[in-house]
Amino acid sequence: ITSLLGGGGNVLTKMGEGDLSSIMLGGANIITHISNNKIKSNTYTITLGGLNILTKKGQGDILAIMGGGGNVLTHIGNGN
C-alpha cells in the first residue's frame, strides 16, 4: 500500500504480505500493519498530527517519522 491521507482523522490498515508506505496529516492518524512472520514486510511512514499511533505485527523493519502531541509506536515481531 502506498497512500497520502489528510483530514481530521485517518485510519490505514494493511494485512498480508508486502510493504506499507504512507504520509498522513491530520488530527489523529492510526496505522496498523499486520503481516506474516515468515516474509519480511517493511513499514515506512510520516505522520504529523495531534495523535499518531503505529502498530506493526510481523517480520520487517519500521522507519517512522512522527510529529505531534502524542506518538505511540508498537512493534511485535522480528526487525528493526
PDB file of N, CA and C in Angstrom:
ATOM      1  N   ILE A   1       0.858  -1.181   0.000  1.00  0.00           N
ATOM      2  CA  ILE A   1       0.000   0.000   0.000  1.00  0.00           C
ATOM      3  C   ILE A   1       0.891   1.226   0.000  1.00  0.00           C
ATOM      4  N   THR A   2       0.603   2.171  -0.843  1.00  0.00           N
ATOM      5  CA  THR A   2       1.213   3.497  -0.810  1.00  0.00           C
ATOM      6  C   THR A   2       0.074   4.493  -0.722  1.00  0.00           C
ATOM      7  N   SER A   3       0.110   5.394   0.286  1.00  0.00           N
ATOM      8  CA  SER A   3      -1.021   6.295   0.466  1.00  0.00           C
ATOM      9  C   SER A   3      -0.582   7.658   0.963  1.00  0.00           C
ATOM     10  N   LEU A   4      -1.404   8.655   0.653  1.00  0.00           N
ATOM     11  CA  LEU A   4      -1.271  10.011   1.179  1.00  0.00           C
ATOM     12  C   LEU A   4      -2.648  10.403   1.682  1.00  0.00           C
ATOM     13  N   LEU A   5      -2.772  10.580   2.997  1.00  0.00           N
ATOM     14  CA  LEU A   5      -4.066  10.874   3.604  1.00  0.00           C
ATOM     15  C   LEU A   5      -3.984  12.172   4.392  1.00  0.00           C
ATOM     16  N   GLY A   6      -4.995  13.025   4.271  1.00  0.00           N
ATOM     17  CA  GLY A   6      -5.066  14.263   5.038  1.00  0.00           C
ATOM     18  C   GLY A   6      -6.493  14.499   5.486  1.00  0.00           C
ATOM     19  N   GLY A   7      -6.668  14.924   6.719  1.00  0.00           N
ATOM     20  CA  GLY A   7      -8.017  15.175   7.219  1.00  0.00           C
ATOM     21  C   GLY A   7      -8.034  15.187   8.730  1.00  0.00           C
ATOM     22  N   GLY A   8      -9.234  15.252   9.290  1.00  0.00           N
ATOM     23  CA  GLY A   8      -9.378  15.291  10.741  1.00  0.00           C
ATOM     24  C   GLY A   8      -8.900  14.025  11.412  1.00  0.00           C
ATOM     25  N   GLY A   9      -9.215  12.888  10.829  1.00  0.00           N
ATOM     26  CA  GLY A   9      -8.781  11.601  11.368  1.00  0.00           C
ATOM     27  C   GLY A   9      -8.537  10.634  10.231  1.00  0.00           C
ATOM     28  N   ASN A  10      -7.421   9.928  10.282  1.00  0.00           N
ATOM     29  CA  ASN A  10      -7.060   8.987   9.226  1.00  0.00           C
ATOM     30  C   ASN A  10      -6.786   7.620   9.833  1.00  0.00           C
ATOM     31  N   VAL A  11      -7.318   6.575   9.202  1.00  0.00           N
ATOM     32  CA  VAL A  11      -7.088   5.201   9.644  1.00  0.00           C
ATOM     33  C   VAL A  11      -6.640   4.393   8.437  1.00  0.00           C
ATOM     34  N   LEU A  12      -5.500   3.693   8.568  1.00  0.00           N
ATOM     35  CA  LEU A  12      -4.963   2.862   7.494  1.00  0.00           C
ATOM     36  C   LEU A  12      -4.636   1.496   8.078  1.00  0.00           C
ATOM     37  N   THR A  13      -5.206   0.438   7.496  1.00  0.00           N
ATOM     38  CA  THR A  13      -4.964  -0.926   7.956  1.00  0.00           C
ATOM     39  C   THR A  13      -4.505  -1.766   6.779  1.00  0.00           C
ATOM     40  N   LYS A  14      -3.396  -2.499   6.959  1.00  0.00           N
ATOM     41  CA  LYS A  14      -2.905  -3.410   5.926  1.00  0.00           C
ATOM     42  C   LYS A  14      -2.654  -4.758   6.562  1.00  0.00           C
ATOM     43  N   MET A  15      -3.214  -5.803   5.949  1.00  0.00           N
ATOM     44  CA  MET A  15      -2.995  -7.168   6.399  1.00  0.00           C
ATOM     45  C   MET A  15      -2.442  -7.961   5.231  1.00  0.00           C
ATOM     46  N   GLY A  16      -1.433  -8.803   5.506  1.00  0.00           N
ATOM     47  CA  GLY A  16      -0.866  -9.648   4.470  1.00  0.00           C
ATOM     48  C   GLY A  16       0.531  -9.214   4.074  1.00  0.00           C
ATOM     49  N   GLU A  17       1.076  -9.915   3.064  1.00  0.00           N
ATOM     50  CA  GLU A  17       2.437  -9.675   2.606  1.00  0.00           C
ATOM     51  C   GLU A  17       2.561  -8.329   1.917  1.00  0.00           C
ATOM     52  N   GLY A  18       3.787  -7.795   1.925  1.00  0.00           N
ATOM     53  CA  GLY A  18       4.070  -6.562   1.202  1.00  0.00           C
ATOM     54  C   GLY A  18       4.337  -5.394   2.122  1.00  0.00           C
ATOM     55  N   ASP A  19       4.981  -4.385   1.554  1.00  0.00           N
ATOM     56  CA  ASP A  19       5.354  -3.194   2.310  1.00  0.00           C
ATOM     57  C   ASP A  19       4.197  -2.214   2.408  1.00  0.00           C
ATOM     58  N   LEU A  20       4.280  -1.337   3.405  1.00  0.00           N
ATOM     59  CA  LEU A  20       3.319  -0.258   3.587  1.00  0.00           C
ATOM     60  C   LEU A  20       4.100   1.051   3.635  1.00  0.00           C
ATOM     61  N   SER A  21       3.727   2.010   2.791  1.00  0.00           N
ATOM     62  CA  SER A  21       4.320   3.348   2.791  1.00  0.00           C
ATOM     63  C   SER A  21       3.189   4.353   2.884  1.00  0.00           C
ATOM     64  N   SER A  22       3.317   5.335   3.798  1.00  0.00           N
ATOM     65  CA  SER A  22       2.237   6.303   3.934  1.00  0.00           C
ATOM     66  C   SER A  22       2.740   7.638   4.444  1.00  0.00           C
ATOM     67  N   ILE A  23       2.017   8.683   4.063  1.00  0.00           N
ATOM     68  CA  ILE A  23       2.165  10.019   4.622  1.00  0.00           C
ATOM     69  C   ILE A  23       0.779  10.419   5.103  1.00  0.00           C
ATOM     70  N   MET A  24       0.654  10.741   6.389  1.00  0.00           N
ATOM     71  CA  MET A  24      -0.646  11.061   6.963  1.00  0.00           C
ATOM     72  C   MET A  24      -0.563  12.385   7.716  1.00  0.00           C
ATOM     73  N   LEU A  25      -1.474  13.295   7.399  1.00  0.00           N
ATOM     74  CA  LEU A  25      -1.542  14.604   8.036  1.00  0.00           C
ATOM     75  C   LEU A  25      -2.952  14.787   8.569  1.00  0.00           C
ATOM     76  N   GLY A  26      -3.117  14.905   9.872  1.00  0.00           N
ATOM     77  CA  GLY A  26      -4.463  15.066  10.413  1.00  0.00           C
ATOM     78  C   GLY A  26      -4.451  15.148  11.924  1.00  0.00           C
ATOM     79  N   GLY A  27      -5.628  15.335  12.489  1.00  0.00           N
ATOM     80  CA  GLY A  27      -5.752  15.429  13.937  1.00  0.00           C
ATOM     81  C   GLY A  27      -5.363  14.140  14.634  1.00  0.00           C
ATOM     82  N   ALA A  28      -5.753  13.014  14.059  1.00  0.00           N
ATOM     83  CA  ALA A  28      -5.406  11.699  14.603  1.00  0.00           C
ATOM     84  C   ALA A  28      -5.071  10.777  13.441  1.00  0.00           C
ATOM     85  N   ASN A  29      -3.957  10.087  13.535  1.00  0.00           N
ATOM     86  CA  ASN A  29      -3.516   9.156  12.496  1.00  0.00           C
ATOM     87  C   ASN A  29      -3.275   7.793  13.129  1.00  0.00           C
ATOM     88  N   ILE A  30      -3.949   6.769  12.617  1.00  0.00           N
ATOM     89  CA  ILE A  30      -3.820   5.416  13.153  1.00  0.00           C
ATOM     90  C   ILE A  30      -3.426   4.486  12.013  1.00  0.00           C
ATOM     91  N   ILE A  31      -2.296   3.792  12.172  1.00  0.00           N
ATOM     92  CA  ILE A  31      -1.793   2.864  11.160  1.00  0.00           C
ATOM     93  C   ILE A  31      -1.614   1.501  11.813  1.00  0.00           C
ATOM     94  N   THR A  32      -2.149   0.461  11.177  1.00  0.00           N
ATOM     95  CA  THR A  32      -1.973  -0.912  11.633  1.00  0.00           C
ATOM     96  C   THR A  32      -1.444  -1.729  10.469  1.00  0.00           C
ATOM     97  N   HIS A  33      -0.318  -2.428  10.663  1.00  0.00           N
ATOM     98  CA  HIS A  33       0.284  -3.267   9.626  1.00  0.00           C
ATOM     99  C   HIS A  33       0.507  -4.651  10.219  1.00  0.00           C
ATOM    100  N   ILE A  34      -0.262  -5.623   9.745  1.00  0.00           N
ATOM    101  CA  ILE A  34      -0.173  -6.998  10.231  1.00  0.00           C
ATOM    102  C   ILE A  34       0.280  -7.867   9.072  1.00  0.00           C
ATOM    103  N   SER A  35       1.435  -8.523   9.237  1.00  0.00           N
ATOM    104  CA  SER A  35       1.972  -9.337   8.155  1.00  0.00           C
ATOM    105  C   SER A  35       2.423 -10.691   8.683  1.00  0.00           C
ATOM    106  N   ASN A  36       2.727 -11.583   7.754  1.00  0.00           N
ATOM    107  CA  ASN A  36       3.174 -12.931   8.050  1.00  0.00           C
ATOM    108  C   ASN A  36       4.560 -12.886   8.686  1.00  0.00           C
ATOM    109  N   ASN A  37       4.811 -13.717   9.681  1.00  0.00           N
ATOM    110  CA  ASN A  37       6.120 -13.754  10.329  1.00  0.00           C
ATOM    111  C   ASN A  37       7.195 -14.379   9.453  1.00  0.00           C
ATOM    112  N   LYS A  38       6.831 -15.069   8.372  1.00  0.00           N
ATOM    113  CA  LYS A  38       7.808 -15.755   7.527  1.00  0.00           C
ATOM    114  C   LYS A  38       8.346 -14.867   6.408  1.00  0.00           C
ATOM    115  N   ILE A  39       7.622 -13.841   6.021  1.00  0.00           N
ATOM    116  CA  ILE A  39       8.011 -12.976   4.910  1.00  0.00           C
ATOM    117  C   ILE A  39       8.187 -11.557   5.432  1.00  0.00           C
ATOM    118  N   LYS A  40       9.321 -10.944   5.091  1.00  0.00           N
ATOM    119  CA  LYS A  40       9.636  -9.596   5.575  1.00  0.00           C
ATOM    120  C   LYS A  40       8.781  -8.563   4.848  1.00  0.00           C
ATOM    121  N   SER A  41       8.022  -7.796   5.600  1.00  0.00           N
ATOM    122  CA  SER A  41       7.205  -6.699   5.079  1.00  0.00           C
ATOM    123  C   SER A  41       7.562  -5.448   5.873  1.00  0.00           C
ATOM    124  N   ASN A  42       8.044  -4.423   5.193  1.00  0.00           N
ATOM    125  CA  ASN A  42       8.515  -3.210   5.850  1.00  0.00           C
ATOM    126  C   ASN A  42       7.420  -2.156   5.937  1.00  0.00           C
ATOM    127  N   THR A  43       7.573  -1.253   6.902  1.00  0.00           N
ATOM    128  CA  THR A  43       6.638  -0.152   7.107  1.00  0.00           C
ATOM    129  C   THR A  43       7.416   1.154   7.095  1.00  0.00           C
ATOM    130  N   TYR A  44       7.031   2.069   6.195  1.00  0.00           N
ATOM    131  CA  TYR A  44       7.646   3.390   6.089  1.00  0.00           C
ATOM    132  C   TYR A  44       6.538   4.424   6.216  1.00  0.00           C
ATOM    133  N   THR A  45       6.653   5.342   7.176  1.00  0.00           N
ATOM    134  CA  THR A  45       5.562   6.291   7.364  1.00  0.00           C
ATOM    135  C   THR A  45       6.042   7.636   7.896  1.00  0.00           C
ATOM    136  N   ILE A  46       5.349   8.670   7.478  1.00  0.00           N
ATOM    137  CA  ILE A  46       5.482  10.012   8.039  1.00  0.00           C
ATOM    138  C   ILE A  46       4.094  10.387   8.536  1.00  0.00           C
ATOM    139  N   THR A  47       3.968  10.660   9.828  1.00  0.00           N
ATOM    140  CA  THR A  47       2.672  11.036  10.399  1.00  0.00           C
ATOM    141  C   THR A  47       2.837  12.326  11.185  1.00  0.00           C
ATOM    142  N   LEU A  48       2.024  13.308  10.864  1.00  0.00           N
ATOM    143  CA  LEU A  48       2.041  14.598  11.541  1.00  0.00           C
ATOM    144  C   LEU A  48       0.626  14.920  11.986  1.00  0.00           C
ATOM    145  N   GLY A  49       0.410  15.022  13.288  1.00  0.00           N
ATOM    146  CA  GLY A  49      -0.927  15.320  13.787  1.00  0.00           C
ATOM    147  C   GLY A  49      -0.928  15.399  15.297  1.00  0.00           C
ATOM    148  N   GLY A  50      -2.103  15.581  15.854  1.00  0.00           N
ATOM    149  CA  GLY A  50      -2.231  15.673  17.302  1.00  0.00           C
ATOM    150  C   GLY A  50      -1.907  14.364  17.996  1.00  0.00           C
ATOM    151  N   LEU A  51      -2.342  13.250  17.412  1.00  0.00           N
ATOM    152  CA  LEU A  51      -2.109  11.923  17.973  1.00  0.00           C
ATOM    153  C   LEU A  51      -1.745  10.981  16.836  1.00  0.00           C
ATOM    154  N   ASN A  52      -0.635  10.281  16.968  1.00  0.00           N
ATOM    155  CA  ASN A  52      -0.181   9.330  15.957  1.00  0.00           C
ATOM    156  C   ASN A  52       0.035   7.974  16.613  1.00  0.00           C
ATOM    157  N   ILE A  53      -0.601   6.936  16.073  1.00  0.00           N
ATOM    158  CA  ILE A  53      -0.475   5.582  16.606  1.00  0.00           C
ATOM    159  C   ILE A  53      -0.067   4.660  15.463  1.00  0.00           C
ATOM    160  N   LEU A  54       1.047   3.944  15.636  1.00  0.00           N
ATOM    161  CA  LEU A  54       1.525   2.979  14.647  1.00  0.00           C
ATOM    162  C   LEU A  54       1.711   1.637  15.336  1.00  0.00           C
ATOM    163  N   THR A  55       1.041   0.610  14.834  1.00  0.00           N
ATOM    164  CA  THR A  55       1.172  -0.743  15.358  1.00  0.00           C
ATOM    165  C   THR A  55       1.609  -1.650  14.224  1.00  0.00           C
ATOM    166  N   LYS A  56       2.681  -2.399  14.435  1.00  0.00           N
ATOM    167  CA  LYS A  56       3.203  -3.334  13.432  1.00  0.00           C
ATOM    168  C   LYS A  56       3.378  -4.684  14.081  1.00  0.00           C
ATOM    169  N   LYS A  57       2.809  -5.722  13.464  1.00  0.00           N
ATOM    170  CA  LYS A  57       2.974  -7.095  13.933  1.00  0.00           C
ATOM    171  C   LYS A  57       3.479  -7.916  12.770  1.00  0.00           C
ATOM    172  N   GLY A  58       4.573  -8.621  12.989  1.00  0.00           N
ATOM    173  CA  GLY A  58       5.143  -9.455  11.947  1.00  0.00           C
ATOM    174  C   GLY A  58       6.585  -9.087  11.677  1.00  0.00           C
ATOM    175  N   GLN A  59       7.198  -9.817  10.768  1.00  0.00           N
ATOM    176  CA  GLN A  59       8.603  -9.616  10.443  1.00  0.00           C
ATOM    177  C   GLN A  59       8.767  -8.423   9.523  1.00  0.00           C
ATOM    178  N   GLY A  60       9.799  -7.616   9.771  1.00  0.00           N
ATOM    179  CA  GLY A  60      10.078  -6.467   8.920  1.00  0.00           C
ATOM    180  C   GLY A  60      10.508  -5.262   9.719  1.00  0.00           C
ATOM    181  N   ASP A  61      11.046  -4.295   9.019  1.00  0.00           N
ATOM    182  CA  ASP A  61      11.566  -3.082   9.637  1.00  0.00           C
ATOM    183  C   ASP A  61      10.524  -1.973   9.639  1.00  0.00           C
ATOM    184  N   ILE A  62      10.721  -1.009  10.550  1.00  0.00           N
ATOM    185  CA  ILE A  62       9.895   0.200  10.612  1.00  0.00           C
ATOM    186  C   ILE A  62      10.809   1.407  10.482  1.00  0.00           C
ATOM    187  N   LEU A  63      10.433   2.326   9.607  1.00  0.00           N
ATOM    188  CA  LEU A  63      11.034   3.657   9.561  1.00  0.00           C
ATOM    189  C   LEU A  63       9.884   4.630   9.729  1.00  0.00           C
ATOM    190  N   ALA A  64       9.844   5.321  10.875  1.00  0.00           N
ATOM    191  CA  ALA A  64       8.714   6.199  11.178  1.00  0.00           C
ATOM    192  C   ALA A  64       9.204   7.575  11.592  1.00  0.00           C
ATOM    193  N   ILE A  65       8.629   8.594  10.977  1.00  0.00           N
ATOM    194  CA  ILE A  65       8.822   9.979  11.391  1.00  0.00           C
ATOM    195  C   ILE A  65       7.469  10.435  11.917  1.00  0.00           C
ATOM    196  N   MET A  66       7.403  10.705  13.219  1.00  0.00           N
ATOM    197  CA  MET A  66       6.128  11.021  13.854  1.00  0.00           C
ATOM    198  C   MET A  66       6.259  12.343  14.604  1.00  0.00           C
ATOM    199  N   GLY A  67       5.374  13.286  14.304  1.00  0.00           N
ATOM    200  CA  GLY A  67       5.376  14.571  14.981  1.00  0.00           C
ATOM    201  C   GLY A  67       3.974  14.918  15.439  1.00  0.00           C
ATOM    202  N   GLY A  68       3.849  15.331  16.673  1.00  0.00           N
ATOM    203  CA  GLY A  68       2.528  15.686  17.178  1.00  0.00           C
ATOM    204  C   GLY A  68       2.510  15.740  18.689  1.00  0.00           C
ATOM    205  N   GLY A  69       1.317  15.903  19.224  1.00  0.00           N
ATOM    206  CA  GLY A  69       1.159  15.982  20.671  1.00  0.00           C
ATOM    207  C   GLY A  69       1.417  14.664  21.366  1.00  0.00           C
ATOM    208  N   GLY A  70       1.007  13.555  20.746  1.00  0.00           N
ATOM    209  CA  GLY A  70       1.211  12.227  21.323  1.00  0.00           C
ATOM    210  C   GLY A  70       1.560  11.237  20.234  1.00  0.00           C
ATOM    211  N   ASN A  71       2.591  10.440  20.463  1.00  0.00           N
ATOM    212  CA  ASN A  71       3.037   9.442  19.493  1.00  0.00           C
ATOM    213  C   ASN A  71       3.188   8.095  20.185  1.00  0.00           C
ATOM    214  N   VAL A  72       2.618   7.045  19.589  1.00  0.00           N
ATOM    215  CA  VAL A  72       2.709   5.693  20.130  1.00  0.00           C
ATOM    216  C   VAL A  72       3.179   4.773  19.013  1.00  0.00           C
ATOM    217  N   LEU A  73       4.257   4.020  19.259  1.00  0.00           N
ATOM    218  CA  LEU A  73       4.801   3.078  18.283  1.00  0.00           C
ATOM    219  C   LEU A  73       4.943   1.724  18.958  1.00  0.00           C
ATOM    220  N   THR A  74       4.298   0.694  18.391  1.00  0.00           N
ATOM    221  CA  THR A  74       4.378  -0.663  18.917  1.00  0.00           C
ATOM    222  C   THR A  74       4.827  -1.581  17.796  1.00  0.00           C
ATOM    223  N   HIS A  75       5.892  -2.365  18.047  1.00  0.00           N
ATOM    224  CA  HIS A  75       6.393  -3.320  17.055  1.00  0.00           C
ATOM    225  C   HIS A  75       6.515  -4.677  17.729  1.00  0.00           C
ATOM    226  N   ILE A  76       5.739  -5.641  17.239  1.00  0.00           N
ATOM    227  CA  ILE A  76       5.759  -7.001  17.761  1.00  0.00           C
ATOM    228  C   ILE A  76       6.249  -7.895  16.634  1.00  0.00           C
ATOM    229  N   GLY A  77       7.425  -8.487  16.785  1.00  0.00           N
ATOM    230  CA  GLY A  77       7.974  -9.354  15.749  1.00  0.00           C
ATOM    231  C   GLY A  77       9.431  -9.035  15.477  1.00  0.00           C
ATOM    232  N   ASN A  78      10.005  -9.711  14.481  1.00  0.00           N
ATOM    233  CA  ASN A  78      11.403  -9.537  14.128  1.00  0.00           C
ATOM    234  C   ASN A  78      11.592  -8.314  13.254  1.00  0.00           C
ATOM    235  N   GLY A  79      12.751  -7.659  13.394  1.00  0.00           N
ATOM    236  CA  GLY A  79      13.070  -6.499  12.569  1.00  0.00           C
ATOM    237  C   GLY A  79      13.527  -5.339  13.414  1.00  0.00           C
ATOM    238  N   ASN A  80      13.842  -4.257  12.732  1.00  0.00           N
ATOM    239  CA  ASN A  80      14.339  -3.052  13.402  1.00  0.00           C
ATOM    240  C   ASN A  80      13.244  -2.011  13.513  1.00  0.00           C
TER     241      ASN A  80
END
